Amino acid sequence: MTSSMFKPKEWKGQPRRALSATEVVASLARLDGWKLTGDGANVAIEKTFTFANYFETIAFVNALAMIAHREDHHPDLSVHYDRCVVRFNTHDAGGISSSDFDCATQADALLAH
């Protein structure tokens, strides 16, 4: 039996759609430190999270992996000693979807004080 914590979200019957430019800009304005990168089908939202050391960076990456698995929405990550660049887009929608912003908000919440 799989714990619900480890069970990914079911997207069947819930197609994800690319947001309009206006929706992306409005959603991006509600996030701190996230920026728009790329263009066309490669457009994404991206943020660099900084840490004191490698251990903290990897702890963040592991926590983010749990979110990604649960949401069934996996970011591109660039992991370094004291930082992690997180990049979300929705490949199957061909752009940025509400899932990207939901996951970005959850990533930010990992470091909320």
N, C-alpha and C. Protein backbone atom coordinates (compact mmCIF):
# COMPACT_ATOMS: atom_id res chain seq x y z
N MET A 1 0.84 -1.18 0.00
CA MET A 1 0.00 0.00 0.00
C MET A 1 0.88 1.24 0.00
N THR A 2 0.60 2.16 -0.88
CA THR A 2 1.39 3.37 -0.99
C THR A 2 0.75 4.49 -0.18
N SER A 3 1.54 5.15 0.64
CA SER A 3 1.06 6.29 1.41
C SER A 3 0.60 7.38 0.46
N SER A 4 -0.43 8.13 0.84
CA SER A 4 -0.90 9.23 -0.01
C SER A 4 0.18 10.29 -0.17
N MET A 5 1.12 10.35 0.77
CA MET A 5 2.22 11.30 0.66
C MET A 5 3.09 10.99 -0.55
N PHE A 6 3.17 9.71 -0.91
CA PHE A 6 4.02 9.30 -2.02
C PHE A 6 3.26 9.07 -3.31
N LYS A 7 1.95 9.22 -3.27
CA LYS A 7 1.14 8.97 -4.45
C LYS A 7 1.05 10.24 -5.30
N PRO A 8 1.47 10.16 -6.56
CA PRO A 8 1.40 11.35 -7.40
C PRO A 8 -0.03 11.72 -7.76
N LYS A 9 -0.23 13.00 -8.04
CA LYS A 9 -1.52 13.52 -8.44
C LYS A 9 -1.95 12.87 -9.76
N GLU A 10 -3.21 12.58 -9.90
CA GLU A 10 -3.76 12.02 -11.14
C GLU A 10 -4.21 13.17 -12.03
N TRP A 11 -3.67 13.24 -13.23
CA TRP A 11 -4.03 14.32 -14.16
C TRP A 11 -5.04 13.87 -15.21
N LYS A 12 -5.42 12.60 -15.22
CA LYS A 12 -6.39 12.12 -16.20
C LYS A 12 -7.69 12.89 -16.03
N GLY A 13 -8.21 13.39 -17.13
CA GLY A 13 -9.45 14.17 -17.09
C GLY A 13 -9.24 15.60 -16.64
N GLN A 14 -8.00 15.97 -16.37
CA GLN A 14 -7.67 17.33 -15.93
C GLN A 14 -6.56 17.88 -16.83
N PRO A 15 -6.84 18.10 -18.09
CA PRO A 15 -5.77 18.57 -18.97
C PRO A 15 -5.22 19.93 -18.52
N ARG A 16 -3.91 20.03 -18.58
CA ARG A 16 -3.27 21.30 -18.24
C ARG A 16 -3.16 22.13 -19.51
N ARG A 17 -3.45 23.41 -19.38
CA ARG A 17 -3.36 24.30 -20.53
C ARG A 17 -2.33 25.38 -20.27
N ALA A 18 -1.71 25.84 -21.34
CA ALA A 18 -0.77 26.95 -21.23
C ALA A 18 -1.54 28.22 -20.89
N LEU A 19 -1.01 28.97 -19.95
CA LEU A 19 -1.63 30.25 -19.58
C LEU A 19 -1.35 31.29 -20.65
N SER A 20 -2.22 32.28 -20.73
CA SER A 20 -1.99 33.41 -21.64
C SER A 20 -0.87 34.28 -21.08
N ALA A 21 -0.32 35.14 -21.90
CA ALA A 21 0.74 36.05 -21.45
C ALA A 21 0.26 36.90 -20.28
N THR A 22 -0.97 37.37 -20.34
CA THR A 22 -1.53 38.19 -19.27
C THR A 22 -1.62 37.39 -17.97
N GLU A 23 -2.06 36.13 -18.06
CA GLU A 23 -2.16 35.28 -16.87
C GLU A 23 -0.78 35.00 -16.29
N VAL A 24 0.21 34.78 -17.14
CA VAL A 24 1.57 34.52 -16.67
C VAL A 24 2.12 35.73 -15.93
N VAL A 25 1.97 36.91 -16.52
CA VAL A 25 2.49 38.14 -15.90
C VAL A 25 1.80 38.39 -14.56
N ALA A 26 0.49 38.21 -14.50
CA ALA A 26 -0.24 38.43 -13.24
C ALA A 26 0.20 37.42 -12.17
N SER A 27 0.37 36.18 -12.56
CA SER A 27 0.79 35.15 -11.60
C SER A 27 2.23 35.36 -11.14
N LEU A 28 3.09 35.77 -12.06
CA LEU A 28 4.49 36.01 -11.74
C LEU A 28 4.63 37.17 -10.75
N ALA A 29 3.77 38.16 -10.85
CA ALA A 29 3.81 39.31 -9.95
C ALA A 29 3.52 38.92 -8.51
N ARG A 30 2.85 37.79 -8.31
CA ARG A 30 2.53 37.33 -6.95
C ARG A 30 3.65 36.51 -6.32
N LEU A 31 4.69 36.22 -7.08
CA LEU A 31 5.82 35.42 -6.57
C LEU A 31 7.05 36.30 -6.37
N ASP A 32 7.80 36.00 -5.33
CA ASP A 32 9.01 36.77 -5.04
C ASP A 32 10.24 36.08 -5.62
N GLY A 33 10.96 36.79 -6.48
CA GLY A 33 12.24 36.29 -6.97
C GLY A 33 12.16 35.40 -8.20
N TRP A 34 10.98 35.08 -8.67
CA TRP A 34 10.83 34.25 -9.86
C TRP A 34 10.86 35.14 -11.09
N LYS A 35 11.43 34.63 -12.18
CA LYS A 35 11.50 35.41 -13.42
C LYS A 35 11.10 34.53 -14.60
N LEU A 36 10.75 35.18 -15.67
CA LEU A 36 10.39 34.50 -16.90
C LEU A 36 11.66 34.27 -17.72
N THR A 37 11.85 33.06 -18.23
CA THR A 37 13.01 32.75 -19.06
C THR A 37 12.56 31.97 -20.29
N GLY A 38 13.39 31.98 -21.32
CA GLY A 38 13.11 31.21 -22.53
C GLY A 38 12.02 31.84 -23.37
N ASP A 39 11.66 31.14 -24.44
CA ASP A 39 10.59 31.60 -25.31
C ASP A 39 9.94 30.42 -26.02
N GLY A 40 8.80 30.66 -26.61
CA GLY A 40 8.08 29.60 -27.30
C GLY A 40 7.76 28.45 -26.36
N ALA A 41 7.95 27.23 -26.84
CA ALA A 41 7.67 26.05 -26.02
C ALA A 41 8.66 25.91 -24.86
N ASN A 42 9.77 26.65 -24.90
CA ASN A 42 10.79 26.58 -23.83
C ASN A 42 10.61 27.66 -22.76
N VAL A 43 9.53 28.41 -22.83
CA VAL A 43 9.30 29.44 -21.83
C VAL A 43 9.08 28.78 -20.48
N ALA A 44 9.62 29.41 -19.43
CA ALA A 44 9.55 28.82 -18.08
C ALA A 44 9.62 29.93 -17.04
N ILE A 45 9.30 29.56 -15.81
CA ILE A 45 9.57 30.45 -14.68
C ILE A 45 10.76 29.85 -13.94
N GLU A 46 11.62 30.72 -13.42
CA GLU A 46 12.88 30.27 -12.85
C GLU A 46 13.24 31.10 -11.63
N LYS A 47 13.87 30.44 -10.67
CA LYS A 47 14.37 31.13 -9.47
C LYS A 47 15.61 30.42 -8.98
N THR A 48 16.57 31.21 -8.49
CA THR A 48 17.77 30.67 -7.87
C THR A 48 17.62 30.77 -6.36
N PHE A 49 17.70 29.63 -5.70
CA PHE A 49 17.65 29.56 -4.24
C PHE A 49 19.09 29.41 -3.75
N THR A 50 19.49 30.20 -2.78
CA THR A 50 20.86 30.15 -2.27
C THR A 50 20.89 29.59 -0.85
N PHE A 51 21.99 28.90 -0.54
CA PHE A 51 22.14 28.21 0.73
C PHE A 51 23.55 28.42 1.27
N ALA A 52 23.74 28.06 2.53
CA ALA A 52 25.04 28.24 3.18
C ALA A 52 26.04 27.18 2.75
N ASN A 53 25.54 26.00 2.35
CA ASN A 53 26.46 24.91 2.04
C ASN A 53 25.75 23.83 1.21
N TYR A 54 26.49 22.82 0.87
CA TYR A 54 25.98 21.74 0.03
C TYR A 54 24.88 20.95 0.73
N PHE A 55 25.04 20.69 2.01
CA PHE A 55 24.04 19.94 2.76
C PHE A 55 22.68 20.62 2.69
N GLU A 56 22.64 21.93 2.92
CA GLU A 56 21.37 22.68 2.86
C GLU A 56 20.79 22.65 1.44
N THR A 57 21.65 22.75 0.45
CA THR A 57 21.19 22.71 -0.94
C THR A 57 20.52 21.37 -1.23
N ILE A 58 21.16 20.28 -0.86
CA ILE A 58 20.62 18.95 -1.13
C ILE A 58 19.36 18.69 -0.31
N ALA A 59 19.30 19.20 0.91
CA ALA A 59 18.08 19.05 1.71
C ALA A 59 16.90 19.72 1.00
N PHE A 60 17.14 20.91 0.44
CA PHE A 60 16.11 21.61 -0.33
C PHE A 60 15.71 20.79 -1.56
N VAL A 61 16.70 20.28 -2.28
CA VAL A 61 16.43 19.49 -3.49
C VAL A 61 15.58 18.26 -3.13
N ASN A 62 15.90 17.59 -2.04
CA ASN A 62 15.13 16.42 -1.63
C ASN A 62 13.69 16.78 -1.26
N ALA A 63 13.52 17.88 -0.56
CA ALA A 63 12.17 18.33 -0.20
C ALA A 63 11.40 18.72 -1.46
N LEU A 64 12.06 19.38 -2.39
CA LEU A 64 11.43 19.76 -3.65
C LEU A 64 11.05 18.52 -4.47
N ALA A 65 11.87 17.49 -4.39
CA ALA A 65 11.56 16.23 -5.10
C ALA A 65 10.26 15.62 -4.58
N MET A 66 10.01 15.72 -3.29
CA MET A 66 8.75 15.21 -2.74
C MET A 66 7.56 15.99 -3.30
N ILE A 67 7.69 17.31 -3.38
CA ILE A 67 6.62 18.14 -3.95
C ILE A 67 6.40 17.76 -5.42
N ALA A 68 7.50 17.66 -6.16
CA ALA A 68 7.41 17.34 -7.59
C ALA A 68 6.74 15.99 -7.81
N HIS A 69 7.08 15.02 -6.99
CA HIS A 69 6.48 13.70 -7.13
C HIS A 69 4.99 13.75 -6.80
N ARG A 70 4.66 14.39 -5.69
CA ARG A 70 3.25 14.48 -5.27
C ARG A 70 2.40 15.21 -6.31
N GLU A 71 2.95 16.27 -6.89
CA GLU A 71 2.22 17.05 -7.89
C GLU A 71 2.33 16.46 -9.29
N ASP A 72 3.18 15.45 -9.45
CA ASP A 72 3.47 14.85 -10.75
C ASP A 72 3.86 15.95 -11.75
N HIS A 73 4.74 16.82 -11.27
CA HIS A 73 5.18 17.96 -12.07
C HIS A 73 6.64 18.24 -11.70
N HIS A 74 7.55 17.94 -12.59
CA HIS A 74 8.96 17.88 -12.25
C HIS A 74 9.75 19.02 -12.87
N PRO A 75 10.42 19.82 -12.04
CA PRO A 75 11.19 20.96 -12.55
C PRO A 75 12.54 20.52 -13.12
N ASP A 76 13.11 21.40 -13.91
CA ASP A 76 14.51 21.25 -14.29
C ASP A 76 15.32 21.89 -13.16
N LEU A 77 16.33 21.19 -12.71
CA LEU A 77 17.15 21.68 -11.60
C LEU A 77 18.61 21.77 -12.03
N SER A 78 19.26 22.82 -11.57
CA SER A 78 20.70 22.96 -11.72
C SER A 78 21.24 23.10 -10.30
N VAL A 79 21.91 22.05 -9.83
CA VAL A 79 22.32 21.97 -8.43
C VAL A 79 23.81 22.29 -8.31
N HIS A 80 24.13 23.20 -7.40
CA HIS A 80 25.51 23.62 -7.16
C HIS A 80 25.78 23.55 -5.65
N TYR A 81 26.99 23.81 -5.25
CA TYR A 81 27.38 23.72 -3.84
C TYR A 81 26.46 24.55 -2.94
N ASP A 82 26.23 25.81 -3.31
CA ASP A 82 25.49 26.72 -2.43
C ASP A 82 24.23 27.32 -3.06
N ARG A 83 23.72 26.67 -4.11
CA ARG A 83 22.52 27.18 -4.76
C ARG A 83 21.88 26.10 -5.62
N CYS A 84 20.61 26.34 -5.90
CA CYS A 84 19.86 25.46 -6.80
C CYS A 84 18.98 26.35 -7.67
N VAL A 85 19.13 26.21 -8.98
CA VAL A 85 18.28 26.93 -9.91
C VAL A 85 17.11 26.01 -10.26
N VAL A 86 15.90 26.51 -10.02
CA VAL A 86 14.68 25.74 -10.25
C VAL A 86 13.94 26.36 -11.43
N ARG A 87 13.56 25.51 -12.37
CA ARG A 87 12.91 26.00 -13.59
C ARG A 87 11.67 25.14 -13.85
N PHE A 88 10.50 25.79 -13.88
CA PHE A 88 9.24 25.10 -14.14
C PHE A 88 8.65 25.52 -15.47
N ASN A 89 8.21 24.55 -16.25
CA ASN A 89 7.30 24.77 -17.36
C ASN A 89 6.51 23.49 -17.56
N THR A 90 5.47 23.57 -18.36
CA THR A 90 4.61 22.41 -18.57
C THR A 90 4.77 21.96 -20.01
N HIS A 91 5.60 20.94 -20.20
CA HIS A 91 5.93 20.47 -21.54
C HIS A 91 4.69 20.06 -22.33
N ASP A 92 3.80 19.31 -21.69
CA ASP A 92 2.63 18.81 -22.43
C ASP A 92 1.64 19.91 -22.79
N ALA A 93 1.73 21.08 -22.12
CA ALA A 93 0.87 22.21 -22.47
C ALA A 93 1.57 23.16 -23.43
N GLY A 94 2.87 22.97 -23.61
CA GLY A 94 3.62 23.83 -24.51
C GLY A 94 3.83 25.24 -23.99
N GLY A 95 3.96 25.38 -22.69
CA GLY A 95 4.17 26.70 -22.09
C GLY A 95 4.15 26.62 -20.58
N ILE A 96 3.62 27.65 -19.97
CA ILE A 96 3.53 27.74 -18.52
C ILE A 96 2.07 27.53 -18.13
N SER A 97 1.85 26.65 -17.14
CA SER A 97 0.48 26.37 -16.68
C SER A 97 0.35 26.77 -15.21
N SER A 98 -0.86 26.66 -14.72
CA SER A 98 -1.09 26.96 -13.30
C SER A 98 -0.30 26.00 -12.41
N SER A 99 -0.01 24.79 -12.89
CA SER A 99 0.79 23.83 -12.12
C SER A 99 2.18 24.39 -11.81
N ASP A 100 2.74 25.14 -12.77
CA ASP A 100 4.06 25.73 -12.55
C ASP A 100 4.03 26.71 -11.38
N PHE A 101 3.00 27.53 -11.33
CA PHE A 101 2.89 28.51 -10.26
C PHE A 101 2.54 27.85 -8.93
N ASP A 102 1.73 26.80 -8.97
CA ASP A 102 1.43 26.05 -7.73
C ASP A 102 2.71 25.46 -7.14
N CYS A 103 3.51 24.85 -7.99
CA CYS A 103 4.77 24.23 -7.52
C CYS A 103 5.78 25.29 -7.07
N ALA A 104 5.83 26.42 -7.76
CA ALA A 104 6.74 27.50 -7.36
C ALA A 104 6.37 28.02 -5.97
N THR A 105 5.08 28.16 -5.73
CA THR A 105 4.62 28.61 -4.41
C THR A 105 5.00 27.61 -3.34
N GLN A 106 4.88 26.33 -3.64
CA GLN A 106 5.26 25.30 -2.66
C GLN A 106 6.77 25.27 -2.45
N ALA A 107 7.55 25.53 -3.49
CA ALA A 107 9.01 25.59 -3.34
C ALA A 107 9.38 26.75 -2.42
N ASP A 108 8.76 27.90 -2.63
CA ASP A 108 9.02 29.05 -1.75
C ASP A 108 8.65 28.74 -0.31
N ALA A 109 7.55 28.01 -0.11
CA ALA A 109 7.08 27.70 1.25
C ALA A 109 8.07 26.83 2.01
N LEU A 110 8.91 26.08 1.29
CA LEU A 110 9.91 25.26 1.97
C LEU A 110 10.88 26.10 2.79
N LEU A 111 11.06 27.35 2.38
CA LEU A 111 12.03 28.22 3.06
C LEU A 111 11.37 29.36 3.83
N ALA A 112 10.06 29.32 3.95
CA ALA A 112 9.34 30.37 4.68
C ALA A 112 9.71 30.30 6.16
N HIS A 113 9.83 31.43 6.77
CA HIS A 113 10.23 31.48 8.18
C HIS A 113 9.02 31.50 9.06
